Amino acid sequence: VITGEPVPSGLPEPRASVTSAHDPAVRELMDHLLERGIRHPAM
């Protein structure tokens, strides 16, 4: 099995996985929103 995104904890490991650096991208987005003056964001 090759997974698009790693498996969450608790699942058997695949033979290969493809992923992206999601954490830095979310932080870049949030930094941008902060620069635009937001103080009360929601997801």
PDB file of all heavy atoms in Angstrom:
ATOM      1  N   VAL A   1       0.835  -1.190   0.000  1.00  0.00           N
ATOM      2  CA  VAL A   1       0.000   0.000   0.000  1.00  0.00           C
ATOM      3  C   VAL A   1       0.877   1.249   0.000  1.00  0.00           C
ATOM      4  O   VAL A   1       1.841   1.350   0.764  1.00  0.00           O
ATOM      5  CB  VAL A   1      -0.940   0.023   1.223  1.00  0.00           C
ATOM      6  CG1 VAL A   1      -1.721   1.337   1.285  1.00  0.00           C
ATOM      7  CG2 VAL A   1      -1.901  -1.161   1.176  1.00  0.00           C
ATOM      8  N   ILE A   2       0.518   2.184  -0.857  1.00  0.00           N
ATOM      9  CA  ILE A   2       1.163   3.491  -0.909  1.00  0.00           C
ATOM     10  C   ILE A   2       0.100   4.504  -0.518  1.00  0.00           C
ATOM     11  O   ILE A   2      -0.976   4.552  -1.130  1.00  0.00           O
ATOM     12  CB  ILE A   2       1.703   3.802  -2.328  1.00  0.00           C
ATOM     13  CG1 ILE A   2       2.815   2.831  -2.706  1.00  0.00           C
ATOM     14  CG2 ILE A   2       2.191   5.232  -2.428  1.00  0.00           C
ATOM     15  CD1 ILE A   2       2.339   1.482  -3.206  1.00  0.00           C
ATOM     16  N   THR A   3       0.354   5.297   0.498  1.00  0.00           N
ATOM     17  CA  THR A   3      -0.662   6.231   0.969  1.00  0.00           C
ATOM     18  C   THR A   3      -0.348   7.655   0.525  1.00  0.00           C
ATOM     19  O   THR A   3       0.803   8.084   0.552  1.00  0.00           O
ATOM     20  CB  THR A   3      -0.794   6.201   2.498  1.00  0.00           C
ATOM     21  OG1 THR A   3       0.458   6.560   3.107  1.00  0.00           O
ATOM     22  CG2 THR A   3      -1.220   4.822   2.983  1.00  0.00           C
ATOM     23  N   GLY A   4      -1.385   8.355   0.119  1.00  0.00           N
ATOM     24  CA  GLY A   4      -1.310   9.784  -0.091  1.00  0.00           C
ATOM     25  C   GLY A   4      -1.634  10.434   1.237  1.00  0.00           C
ATOM     26  O   GLY A   4      -2.797  10.497   1.627  1.00  0.00           O
ATOM     27  N   GLU A   5      -0.616  10.891   1.938  1.00  0.00           N
ATOM     28  CA  GLU A   5      -0.563  11.336   3.334  1.00  0.00           C
ATOM     29  C   GLU A   5      -0.261  10.137   4.234  1.00  0.00           C
ATOM     30  O   GLU A   5      -0.782   9.028   3.999  1.00  0.00           O
ATOM     31  CB  GLU A   5      -1.841  12.036   3.790  1.00  0.00           C
ATOM     32  CG  GLU A   5      -2.162  13.316   3.032  1.00  0.00           C
ATOM     33  CD  GLU A   5      -1.081  14.392   3.134  1.00  0.00           C
ATOM     34  OE1 GLU A   5      -0.162  14.267   3.978  1.00  0.00           O
ATOM     35  OE2 GLU A   5      -1.135  15.355   2.359  1.00  0.00           O
ATOM     36  N   PRO A   6       0.587  10.344   5.224  1.00  0.00           N
ATOM     37  CA  PRO A   6       0.934   9.258   6.156  1.00  0.00           C
ATOM     38  C   PRO A   6      -0.295   8.765   6.910  1.00  0.00           C
ATOM     39  O   PRO A   6      -1.310   9.462   6.999  1.00  0.00           O
ATOM     40  CB  PRO A   6       1.937   9.925   7.111  1.00  0.00           C
ATOM     41  CG  PRO A   6       2.475  11.093   6.344  1.00  0.00           C
ATOM     42  CD  PRO A   6       1.346  11.571   5.490  1.00  0.00           C
ATOM     43  N   VAL A   7      -0.165   7.562   7.465  1.00  0.00           N
ATOM     44  CA  VAL A   7      -1.278   7.017   8.253  1.00  0.00           C
ATOM     45  C   VAL A   7      -1.261   7.627   9.647  1.00  0.00           C
ATOM     46  O   VAL A   7      -0.193   7.863  10.211  1.00  0.00           O
ATOM     47  CB  VAL A   7      -1.205   5.479   8.343  1.00  0.00           C
ATOM     48  CG1 VAL A   7      -1.331   4.855   6.975  1.00  0.00           C
ATOM     49  CG2 VAL A   7       0.084   5.022   9.012  1.00  0.00           C
ATOM     50  N   PRO A   8      -2.422   7.895  10.242  1.00  0.00           N
ATOM     51  CA  PRO A   8      -2.463   8.365  11.627  1.00  0.00           C
ATOM     52  C   PRO A   8      -1.977   7.272  12.576  1.00  0.00           C
ATOM     53  O   PRO A   8      -1.962   6.084  12.228  1.00  0.00           O
ATOM     54  CB  PRO A   8      -3.957   8.663  11.861  1.00  0.00           C
ATOM     55  CG  PRO A   8      -4.558   8.757  10.504  1.00  0.00           C
ATOM     56  CD  PRO A   8      -3.749   7.851   9.626  1.00  0.00           C
ATOM     57  N   SER A   9      -1.571   7.663  13.749  1.00  0.00           N
ATOM     58  CA  SER A   9      -1.110   6.714  14.754  1.00  0.00           C
ATOM     59  C   SER A   9      -2.193   5.676  15.038  1.00  0.00           C
ATOM     60  O   SER A   9      -3.374   6.015  15.169  1.00  0.00           O
ATOM     61  CB  SER A   9      -0.754   7.451  16.052  1.00  0.00           C
ATOM     62  OG  SER A   9      -0.353   6.555  17.050  1.00  0.00           O
ATOM     63  N   GLY A  10      -1.773   4.412  15.111  1.00  0.00           N
ATOM     64  CA  GLY A  10      -2.723   3.340  15.381  1.00  0.00           C
ATOM     65  C   GLY A  10      -3.022   2.484  14.171  1.00  0.00           C
ATOM     66  O   GLY A  10      -3.698   1.463  14.290  1.00  0.00           O
ATOM     67  N   LEU A  11      -2.520   2.887  12.987  1.00  0.00           N
ATOM     68  CA  LEU A  11      -2.729   2.111  11.766  1.00  0.00           C
ATOM     69  C   LEU A  11      -1.420   1.458  11.334  1.00  0.00           C
ATOM     70  O   LEU A  11      -0.333   1.976  11.612  1.00  0.00           O
ATOM     71  CB  LEU A  11      -3.241   3.020  10.638  1.00  0.00           C
ATOM     72  CG  LEU A  11      -4.660   3.572  10.781  1.00  0.00           C
ATOM     73  CD1 LEU A  11      -4.948   4.562   9.659  1.00  0.00           C
ATOM     74  CD2 LEU A  11      -5.683   2.447  10.765  1.00  0.00           C
ATOM     75  N   PRO A  12      -1.493   0.310  10.634  1.00  0.00           N
ATOM     76  CA  PRO A  12      -0.267  -0.314  10.116  1.00  0.00           C
ATOM     77  C   PRO A  12       0.453   0.621   9.147  1.00  0.00           C
ATOM     78  O   PRO A  12      -0.174   1.409   8.442  1.00  0.00           O
ATOM     79  CB  PRO A  12      -0.785  -1.563   9.404  1.00  0.00           C
ATOM     80  CG  PRO A  12      -2.125  -1.830   9.997  1.00  0.00           C
ATOM     81  CD  PRO A  12      -2.697  -0.495  10.348  1.00  0.00           C
ATOM     82  N   GLU A  13       1.778   0.545   9.104  1.00  0.00           N
ATOM     83  CA  GLU A  13       2.569   1.400   8.227  1.00  0.00           C
ATOM     84  C   GLU A  13       2.466   0.924   6.776  1.00  0.00           C
ATOM     85  O   GLU A  13       2.503  -0.278   6.508  1.00  0.00           O
ATOM     86  CB  GLU A  13       4.033   1.405   8.653  1.00  0.00           C
ATOM     87  CG  GLU A  13       4.309   2.212   9.905  1.00  0.00           C
ATOM     88  CD  GLU A  13       4.083   3.701   9.697  1.00  0.00           C
ATOM     89  OE1 GLU A  13       4.358   4.205   8.591  1.00  0.00           O
ATOM     90  OE2 GLU A  13       3.598   4.348  10.645  1.00  0.00           O
ATOM     91  N   PRO A  14       2.365   1.853   5.827  1.00  0.00           N
ATOM     92  CA  PRO A  14       2.368   1.478   4.402  1.00  0.00           C
ATOM     93  C   PRO A  14       3.792   1.261   3.914  1.00  0.00           C
ATOM     94  O   PRO A  14       4.762   1.556   4.621  1.00  0.00           O
ATOM     95  CB  PRO A  14       1.744   2.708   3.741  1.00  0.00           C
ATOM     96  CG  PRO A  14       2.205   3.850   4.615  1.00  0.00           C
ATOM     97  CD  PRO A  14       2.196   3.299   6.023  1.00  0.00           C
ATOM     98  N   ARG A  15       3.937   0.767   2.678  1.00  0.00           N
ATOM     99  CA  ARG A  15       5.262   0.604   2.089  1.00  0.00           C
ATOM    100  C   ARG A  15       5.852   1.950   1.666  1.00  0.00           C
ATOM    101  O   ARG A  15       7.071   2.102   1.586  1.00  0.00           O
ATOM    102  CB  ARG A  15       5.183  -0.335   0.883  1.00  0.00           C
ATOM    103  CG  ARG A  15       5.035  -1.789   1.253  1.00  0.00           C
ATOM    104  CD  ARG A  15       6.295  -2.361   1.889  1.00  0.00           C
ATOM    105  NE  ARG A  15       7.474  -2.184   1.061  1.00  0.00           N
ATOM    106  CZ  ARG A  15       7.819  -2.997   0.070  1.00  0.00           C
ATOM    107  NH1 ARG A  15       7.078  -4.056  -0.203  1.00  0.00           N
ATOM    108  NH2 ARG A  15       8.907  -2.767  -0.647  1.00  0.00           N
ATOM    109  N   ALA A  16       4.992   2.902   1.364  1.00  0.00           N
ATOM    110  CA  ALA A  16       5.455   4.236   0.980  1.00  0.00           C
ATOM    111  C   ALA A  16       4.339   5.228   1.255  1.00  0.00           C
ATOM    112  O   ALA A  16       3.162   4.857   1.313  1.00  0.00           O
ATOM    113  CB  ALA A  16       5.850   4.272  -0.491  1.00  0.00           C
ATOM    114  N   SER A  17       4.718   6.483   1.443  1.00  0.00           N
ATOM    115  CA  SER A  17       3.708   7.528   1.615  1.00  0.00           C
ATOM    116  C   SER A  17       4.204   8.817   0.978  1.00  0.00           C
ATOM    117  O   SER A  17       5.401   9.074   0.897  1.00  0.00           O
ATOM    118  CB  SER A  17       3.388   7.762   3.100  1.00  0.00           C
ATOM    119  OG  SER A  17       4.523   8.257   3.790  1.00  0.00           O
ATOM    120  N   VAL A  18       3.253   9.605   0.507  1.00  0.00           N
ATOM    121  CA  VAL A  18       3.525  10.916  -0.072  1.00  0.00           C
ATOM    122  C   VAL A  18       2.806  11.935   0.785  1.00  0.00           C
ATOM    123  O   VAL A  18       1.652  11.719   1.188  1.00  0.00           O
ATOM    124  CB  VAL A  18       3.037  10.990  -1.535  1.00  0.00           C
ATOM    125  CG1 VAL A  18       3.285  12.373  -2.123  1.00  0.00           C
ATOM    126  CG2 VAL A  18       3.714   9.918  -2.377  1.00  0.00           C
ATOM    127  N   THR A  19       3.457  13.037   1.093  1.00  0.00           N
ATOM    128  CA  THR A  19       2.861  14.020   1.983  1.00  0.00           C
ATOM    129  C   THR A  19       3.283  15.416   1.559  1.00  0.00           C
ATOM    130  O   THR A  19       3.969  15.601   0.546  1.00  0.00           O
ATOM    131  CB  THR A  19       3.256  13.747   3.451  1.00  0.00           C
ATOM    132  OG1 THR A  19       2.513  14.629   4.317  1.00  0.00           O
ATOM    133  CG2 THR A  19       4.752  13.983   3.665  1.00  0.00           C
ATOM    134  N   SER A  20       2.869  16.413   2.309  1.00  0.00           N
ATOM    135  CA  SER A  20       3.263  17.801   2.089  1.00  0.00           C
ATOM    136  C   SER A  20       3.516  18.450   3.438  1.00  0.00           C
ATOM    137  O   SER A  20       3.069  17.953   4.472  1.00  0.00           O
ATOM    138  CB  SER A  20       2.169  18.572   1.330  1.00  0.00           C
ATOM    139  OG  SER A  20       1.953  18.025   0.046  1.00  0.00           O
ATOM    140  N   ALA A  21       4.232  19.577   3.419  1.00  0.00           N
ATOM    141  CA  ALA A  21       4.544  20.293   4.658  1.00  0.00           C
ATOM    142  C   ALA A  21       3.361  21.182   5.034  1.00  0.00           C
ATOM    143  O   ALA A  21       3.367  22.398   4.811  1.00  0.00           O
ATOM    144  CB  ALA A  21       5.820  21.115   4.485  1.00  0.00           C
ATOM    145  N   HIS A  22       2.325  20.578   5.626  1.00  0.00           N
ATOM    146  CA  HIS A  22       1.100  21.306   5.919  1.00  0.00           C
ATOM    147  C   HIS A  22       1.267  22.308   7.059  1.00  0.00           C
ATOM    148  O   HIS A  22       0.701  23.410   7.018  1.00  0.00           O
ATOM    149  CB  HIS A  22      -0.012  20.320   6.262  1.00  0.00           C
ATOM    150  CG  HIS A  22      -0.318  19.355   5.168  1.00  0.00           C
ATOM    151  ND1 HIS A  22      -0.859  19.745   3.959  1.00  0.00           N
ATOM    152  CD2 HIS A  22      -0.143  18.006   5.075  1.00  0.00           C
ATOM    153  CE1 HIS A  22      -1.006  18.701   3.180  1.00  0.00           C
ATOM    154  NE2 HIS A  22      -0.580  17.634   3.829  1.00  0.00           N
ATOM    155  N   ASP A  23       2.018  21.927   8.088  1.00  0.00           N
ATOM    156  CA  ASP A  23       2.174  22.806   9.254  1.00  0.00           C
ATOM    157  C   ASP A  23       2.741  24.174   8.871  1.00  0.00           C
ATOM    158  O   ASP A  23       2.156  25.219   9.227  1.00  0.00           O
ATOM    159  CB  ASP A  23       3.044  22.111  10.310  1.00  0.00           C
ATOM    160  CG  ASP A  23       3.176  22.921  11.589  1.00  0.00           C
ATOM    161  OD1 ASP A  23       3.904  23.942  11.586  1.00  0.00           O
ATOM    162  OD2 ASP A  23       2.553  22.540  12.607  1.00  0.00           O
ATOM    163  N   PRO A  24       3.858  24.246   8.131  1.00  0.00           N
ATOM    164  CA  PRO A  24       4.373  25.567   7.753  1.00  0.00           C
ATOM    165  C   PRO A  24       3.408  26.379   6.898  1.00  0.00           C
ATOM    166  O   PRO A  24       3.351  27.602   7.019  1.00  0.00           O
ATOM    167  CB  PRO A  24       5.654  25.229   6.971  1.00  0.00           C
ATOM    168  CG  PRO A  24       6.042  23.872   7.413  1.00  0.00           C
ATOM    169  CD  PRO A  24       4.760  23.159   7.705  1.00  0.00           C
ATOM    170  N   ALA A  25       2.646  25.703   6.033  1.00  0.00           N
ATOM    171  CA  ALA A  25       1.703  26.422   5.177  1.00  0.00           C
ATOM    172  C   ALA A  25       0.576  27.040   6.001  1.00  0.00           C
ATOM    173  O   ALA A  25       0.166  28.185   5.760  1.00  0.00           O
ATOM    174  CB  ALA A  25       1.131  25.482   4.122  1.00  0.00           C
ATOM    175  N   VAL A  26       0.059  26.290   6.976  1.00  0.00           N
ATOM    176  CA  VAL A  26      -0.991  26.831   7.845  1.00  0.00           C
ATOM    177  C   VAL A  26      -0.450  28.019   8.630  1.00  0.00           C
ATOM    178  O   VAL A  26      -1.125  29.052   8.780  1.00  0.00           O
ATOM    179  CB  VAL A  26      -1.530  25.748   8.801  1.00  0.00           C
ATOM    180  CG1 VAL A  26      -2.488  26.355   9.825  1.00  0.00           C
ATOM    181  CG2 VAL A  26      -2.235  24.644   8.009  1.00  0.00           C
ATOM    182  N   ARG A  27       0.769  27.902   9.113  1.00  0.00           N
ATOM    183  CA  ARG A  27       1.374  29.005   9.873  1.00  0.00           C
ATOM    184  C   ARG A  27       1.588  30.232   8.994  1.00  0.00           C
ATOM    185  O   ARG A  27       1.395  31.366   9.441  1.00  0.00           O
ATOM    186  CB  ARG A  27       2.692  28.546  10.495  1.00  0.00           C
ATOM    187  CG  ARG A  27       2.497  27.531  11.623  1.00  0.00           C
ATOM    188  CD  ARG A  27       3.827  26.999  12.139  1.00  0.00           C
ATOM    189  NE  ARG A  27       3.593  26.090  13.255  1.00  0.00           N
ATOM    190  CZ  ARG A  27       3.453  26.473  14.520  1.00  0.00           C
ATOM    191  NH1 ARG A  27       3.535  27.763  14.825  1.00  0.00           N
ATOM    192  NH2 ARG A  27       3.239  25.595  15.472  1.00  0.00           N
ATOM    193  N   GLU A  28       1.998  30.006   7.749  1.00  0.00           N
ATOM    194  CA  GLU A  28       2.153  31.130   6.822  1.00  0.00           C
ATOM    195  C   GLU A  28       0.820  31.834   6.600  1.00  0.00           C
ATOM    196  O   GLU A  28       0.747  33.076   6.578  1.00  0.00           O
ATOM    197  CB  GLU A  28       2.716  30.638   5.495  1.00  0.00           C
ATOM    198  CG  GLU A  28       2.932  31.750   4.477  1.00  0.00           C
ATOM    199  CD  GLU A  28       3.422  31.237   3.130  1.00  0.00           C
ATOM    200  OE1 GLU A  28       3.699  30.022   3.018  1.00  0.00           O
ATOM    201  OE2 GLU A  28       3.524  32.056   2.196  1.00  0.00           O
ATOM    202  N   LEU A  29      -0.241  31.057   6.444  1.00  0.00           N
ATOM    203  CA  LEU A  29      -1.571  31.634   6.271  1.00  0.00           C
ATOM    204  C   LEU A  29      -1.982  32.427   7.508  1.00  0.00           C
ATOM    205  O   LEU A  29      -2.478  33.561   7.408  1.00  0.00           O
ATOM    206  CB  LEU A  29      -2.581  30.528   5.989  1.00  0.00           C
ATOM    207  CG  LEU A  29      -4.057  30.938   5.972  1.00  0.00           C
ATOM    208  CD1 LEU A  29      -4.317  31.965   4.885  1.00  0.00           C
ATOM    209  CD2 LEU A  29      -4.954  29.719   5.790  1.00  0.00           C
ATOM    210  N   MET A  30      -1.781  31.848   8.685  1.00  0.00           N
ATOM    211  CA  MET A  30      -2.187  32.522   9.920  1.00  0.00           C
ATOM    212  C   MET A  30      -1.361  33.790  10.165  1.00  0.00           C
ATOM    213  O   MET A  30      -1.889  34.804  10.644  1.00  0.00           O
ATOM    214  CB  MET A  30      -2.075  31.565  11.101  1.00  0.00           C
ATOM    215  CG  MET A  30      -3.013  30.354  11.029  1.00  0.00           C
ATOM    216  SD  MET A  30      -4.750  30.782  10.735  1.00  0.00           S
ATOM    217  CE  MET A  30      -5.095  31.781  12.202  1.00  0.00           C
ATOM    218  N   ASP A  31      -0.068  33.752   9.838  1.00  0.00           N
ATOM    219  CA  ASP A  31       0.759  34.959   9.964  1.00  0.00           C
ATOM    220  C   ASP A  31       0.220  36.070   9.063  1.00  0.00           C
ATOM    221  O   ASP A  31       0.199  37.252   9.450  1.00  0.00           O
ATOM    222  CB  ASP A  31       2.211  34.648   9.587  1.00  0.00           C
ATOM    223  CG  ASP A  31       2.940  33.828  10.647  1.00  0.00           C
ATOM    224  OD1 ASP A  31       2.465  33.774  11.801  1.00  0.00           O
ATOM    225  OD2 ASP A  31       3.996  33.238  10.312  1.00  0.00           O
ATOM    226  N   HIS A  32      -0.201  35.693   7.878  1.00  0.00           N
ATOM    227  CA  HIS A  32      -0.786  36.665   6.943  1.00  0.00           C
ATOM    228  C   HIS A  32      -2.054  37.276   7.533  1.00  0.00           C
ATOM    229  O   HIS A  32      -2.247  38.507   7.473  1.00  0.00           O
ATOM    230  CB  HIS A  32      -1.089  35.968   5.619  1.00  0.00           C
ATOM    231  CG  HIS A  32      -2.032  36.700   4.729  1.00  0.00           C
ATOM    232  ND1 HIS A  32      -1.706  37.864   4.074  1.00  0.00           N
ATOM    233  CD2 HIS A  32      -3.333  36.420   4.384  1.00  0.00           C
ATOM    234  CE1 HIS A  32      -2.748  38.280   3.359  1.00  0.00           C
ATOM    235  NE2 HIS A  32      -3.743  37.424   3.526  1.00  0.00           N
ATOM    236  N   LEU A  33      -2.915  36.442   8.103  1.00  0.00           N
ATOM    237  CA  LEU A  33      -4.150  36.957   8.702  1.00  0.00           C
ATOM    238  C   LEU A  33      -3.838  37.893   9.860  1.00  0.00           C
ATOM    239  O   LEU A  33      -4.510  38.929  10.039  1.00  0.00           O
ATOM    240  CB  LEU A  33      -5.026  35.791   9.181  1.00  0.00           C
ATOM    241  CG  LEU A  33      -5.556  34.841   8.098  1.00  0.00           C
ATOM    242  CD1 LEU A  33      -6.379  33.724   8.725  1.00  0.00           C
ATOM    243  CD2 LEU A  33      -6.379  35.591   7.060  1.00  0.00           C
ATOM    244  N   LEU A  34      -2.816  37.557  10.643  1.00  0.00           N
ATOM    245  CA  LEU A  34      -2.424  38.413  11.764  1.00  0.00           C
ATOM    246  C   LEU A  34      -1.943  39.768  11.257  1.00  0.00           C
ATOM    247  O   LEU A  34      -2.280  40.818  11.832  1.00  0.00           O
ATOM    248  CB  LEU A  34      -1.333  37.724  12.581  1.00  0.00           C
ATOM    249  CG  LEU A  34      -0.930  38.398  13.898  1.00  0.00           C
ATOM    250  CD1 LEU A  34      -2.089  38.372  14.887  1.00  0.00           C
ATOM    251  CD2 LEU A  34       0.298  37.713  14.490  1.00  0.00           C
ATOM    252  N   GLU A  35      -1.159  39.765  10.193  1.00  0.00           N
ATOM    253  CA  GLU A  35      -0.691  41.015   9.595  1.00  0.00           C
ATOM    254  C   GLU A  35      -1.849  41.864   9.082  1.00  0.00           C
ATOM    255  O   GLU A  35      -1.756  43.095   9.042  1.00  0.00           O
ATOM    256  CB  GLU A  35       0.280  40.719   8.454  1.00  0.00           C
ATOM    257  CG  GLU A  35       1.601  40.129   8.908  1.00  0.00           C
ATOM    258  CD  GLU A  35       2.462  39.671   7.746  1.00  0.00           C
ATOM    259  OE1 GLU A  35       2.004  39.829   6.583  1.00  0.00           O
ATOM    260  OE2 GLU A  35       3.572  39.162   7.982  1.00  0.00           O
ATOM    261  N   ARG A  36      -2.928  41.199   8.711  1.00  0.00           N
ATOM    262  CA  ARG A  36      -4.118  41.918   8.237  1.00  0.00           C
ATOM    263  C   ARG A  36      -4.993  42.406   9.395  1.00  0.00           C
ATOM    264  O   ARG A  36      -6.039  43.010   9.172  1.00  0.00           O
ATOM    265  CB  ARG A  36      -4.934  41.002   7.323  1.00  0.00           C
ATOM    266  CG  ARG A  36      -4.245  40.665   6.005  1.00  0.00           C
ATOM    267  CD  ARG A  36      -4.272  41.839   5.038  1.00  0.00           C
ATOM    268  NE  ARG A  36      -5.655  42.140   4.660  1.00  0.00           N
ATOM    269  CZ  ARG A  36      -6.140  43.354   4.425  1.00  0.00           C
ATOM    270  NH1 ARG A  36      -5.355  44.404   4.535  1.00  0.00           N
ATOM    271  NH2 ARG A  36      -7.404  43.526   4.096  1.00  0.00           N
ATOM    272  N   GLY A  37      -4.570  42.130  10.627  1.00  0.00           N
ATOM    273  CA  GLY A  37      -5.252  42.708  11.779  1.00  0.00           C
ATOM    274  C   GLY A  37      -6.207  41.805  12.526  1.00  0.00           C
ATOM    275  O   GLY A  37      -6.870  42.248  13.467  1.00  0.00           O
ATOM    276  N   ILE A  38      -6.305  40.526  12.175  1.00  0.00           N
ATOM    277  CA  ILE A  38      -7.255  39.651  12.875  1.00  0.00           C
ATOM    278  C   ILE A  38      -6.744  39.329  14.285  1.00  0.00           C
ATOM    279  O   ILE A  38      -5.538  39.259  14.528  1.00  0.00           O
ATOM    280  CB  ILE A  38      -7.538  38.355  12.084  1.00  0.00           C
ATOM    281  CG1 ILE A  38      -6.277  37.466  12.003  1.00  0.00           C
ATOM    282  CG2 ILE A  38      -8.043  38.679  10.699  1.00  0.00           C
ATOM    283  CD1 ILE A  38      -6.243  36.350  13.005  1.00  0.00           C
ATOM    284  N   ARG A  39      -7.686  39.141  15.193  1.00  0.00           N
ATOM    285  CA  ARG A  39      -7.353  38.782  16.572  1.00  0.00           C
ATOM    286  C   ARG A  39      -8.243  37.668  17.108  1.00  0.00           C
ATOM    287  O   ARG A  39      -7.980  37.122  18.170  1.00  0.00           O
ATOM    288  CB  ARG A  39      -7.474  40.008  17.484  1.00  0.00           C
ATOM    289  CG  ARG A  39      -6.455  41.110  17.220  1.00  0.00           C
ATOM    290  CD  ARG A  39      -5.033  40.633  17.444  1.00  0.00           C
ATOM    291  NE  ARG A  39      -4.040  41.686  17.204  1.00  0.00           N
ATOM    292  CZ  ARG A  39      -3.487  41.934  16.035  1.00  0.00           C
ATOM    293  NH1 ARG A  39      -3.822  41.191  14.970  1.00  0.00           N
ATOM    294  NH2 ARG A  39      -2.596  42.889  15.879  1.00  0.00           N
ATOM    295  N   HIS A  40      -9.295  37.335  16.366  1.00  0.00           N
ATOM    296  CA  HIS A  40     -10.238  36.319  16.840  1.00  0.00           C
ATOM    297  C   HIS A  40     -10.585  35.346  15.708  1.00  0.00           C
ATOM    298  O   HIS A  40     -11.711  35.335  15.201  1.00  0.00           O
ATOM    299  CB  HIS A  40     -11.511  36.990  17.379  1.00  0.00           C
ATOM    300  CG  HIS A  40     -11.241  38.020  18.422  1.00  0.00           C
ATOM    301  ND1 HIS A  40     -10.877  37.711  19.708  1.00  0.00           N
ATOM    302  CD2 HIS A  40     -11.256  39.387  18.346  1.00  0.00           C
ATOM    303  CE1 HIS A  40     -10.696  38.807  20.404  1.00  0.00           C
ATOM    304  NE2 HIS A  40     -10.906  39.844  19.604  1.00  0.00           N
ATOM    305  N   PRO A  41      -9.629  34.512  15.315  1.00  0.00           N
ATOM    306  CA  PRO A  41      -9.868  33.579  14.212  1.00  0.00           C
ATOM    307  C   PRO A  41     -10.609  32.322  14.675  1.00  0.00           C
ATOM    308  O   PRO A  41     -10.567  31.953  15.856  1.00  0.00           O
ATOM    309  CB  PRO A  41      -8.458  33.220  13.752  1.00  0.00           C
ATOM    310  CG  PRO A  41      -7.646  33.285  15.019  1.00  0.00           C
ATOM    311  CD  PRO A  41      -8.240  34.421  15.816  1.00  0.00           C
ATOM    312  N   ALA A  42     -11.270  31.689  13.734  1.00  0.00           N
ATOM    313  CA  ALA A  42     -11.941  30.416  14.003  1.00  0.00           C
ATOM    314  C   ALA A  42     -11.670  29.466  12.847  1.00  0.00           C
ATOM    315  O   ALA A  42     -11.413  29.888  11.714  1.00  0.00           O
ATOM    316  CB  ALA A  42     -13.443  30.625  14.171  1.00  0.00           C
ATOM    317  N   MET A  43     -11.732  28.174  13.157  1.00  0.00           N
ATOM    318  CA  MET A  43     -11.588  27.143  12.125  1.00  0.00           C
ATOM    319  C   MET A  43     -12.870  26.345  12.042  1.00  0.00           C
ATOM    320  O   MET A  43     -13.421  25.932  13.063  1.00  0.00           O
ATOM    321  CB  MET A  43     -10.410  26.210  12.441  1.00  0.00           C
ATOM    322  CG  MET A  43     -10.316  24.998  11.510  1.00  0.00           C
ATOM    323  SD  MET A  43      -8.886  23.926  11.816  1.00  0.00           S
ATOM    324  CE  MET A  43      -7.614  24.836  10.939  1.00  0.00           C
TER     325      MET A  43
END
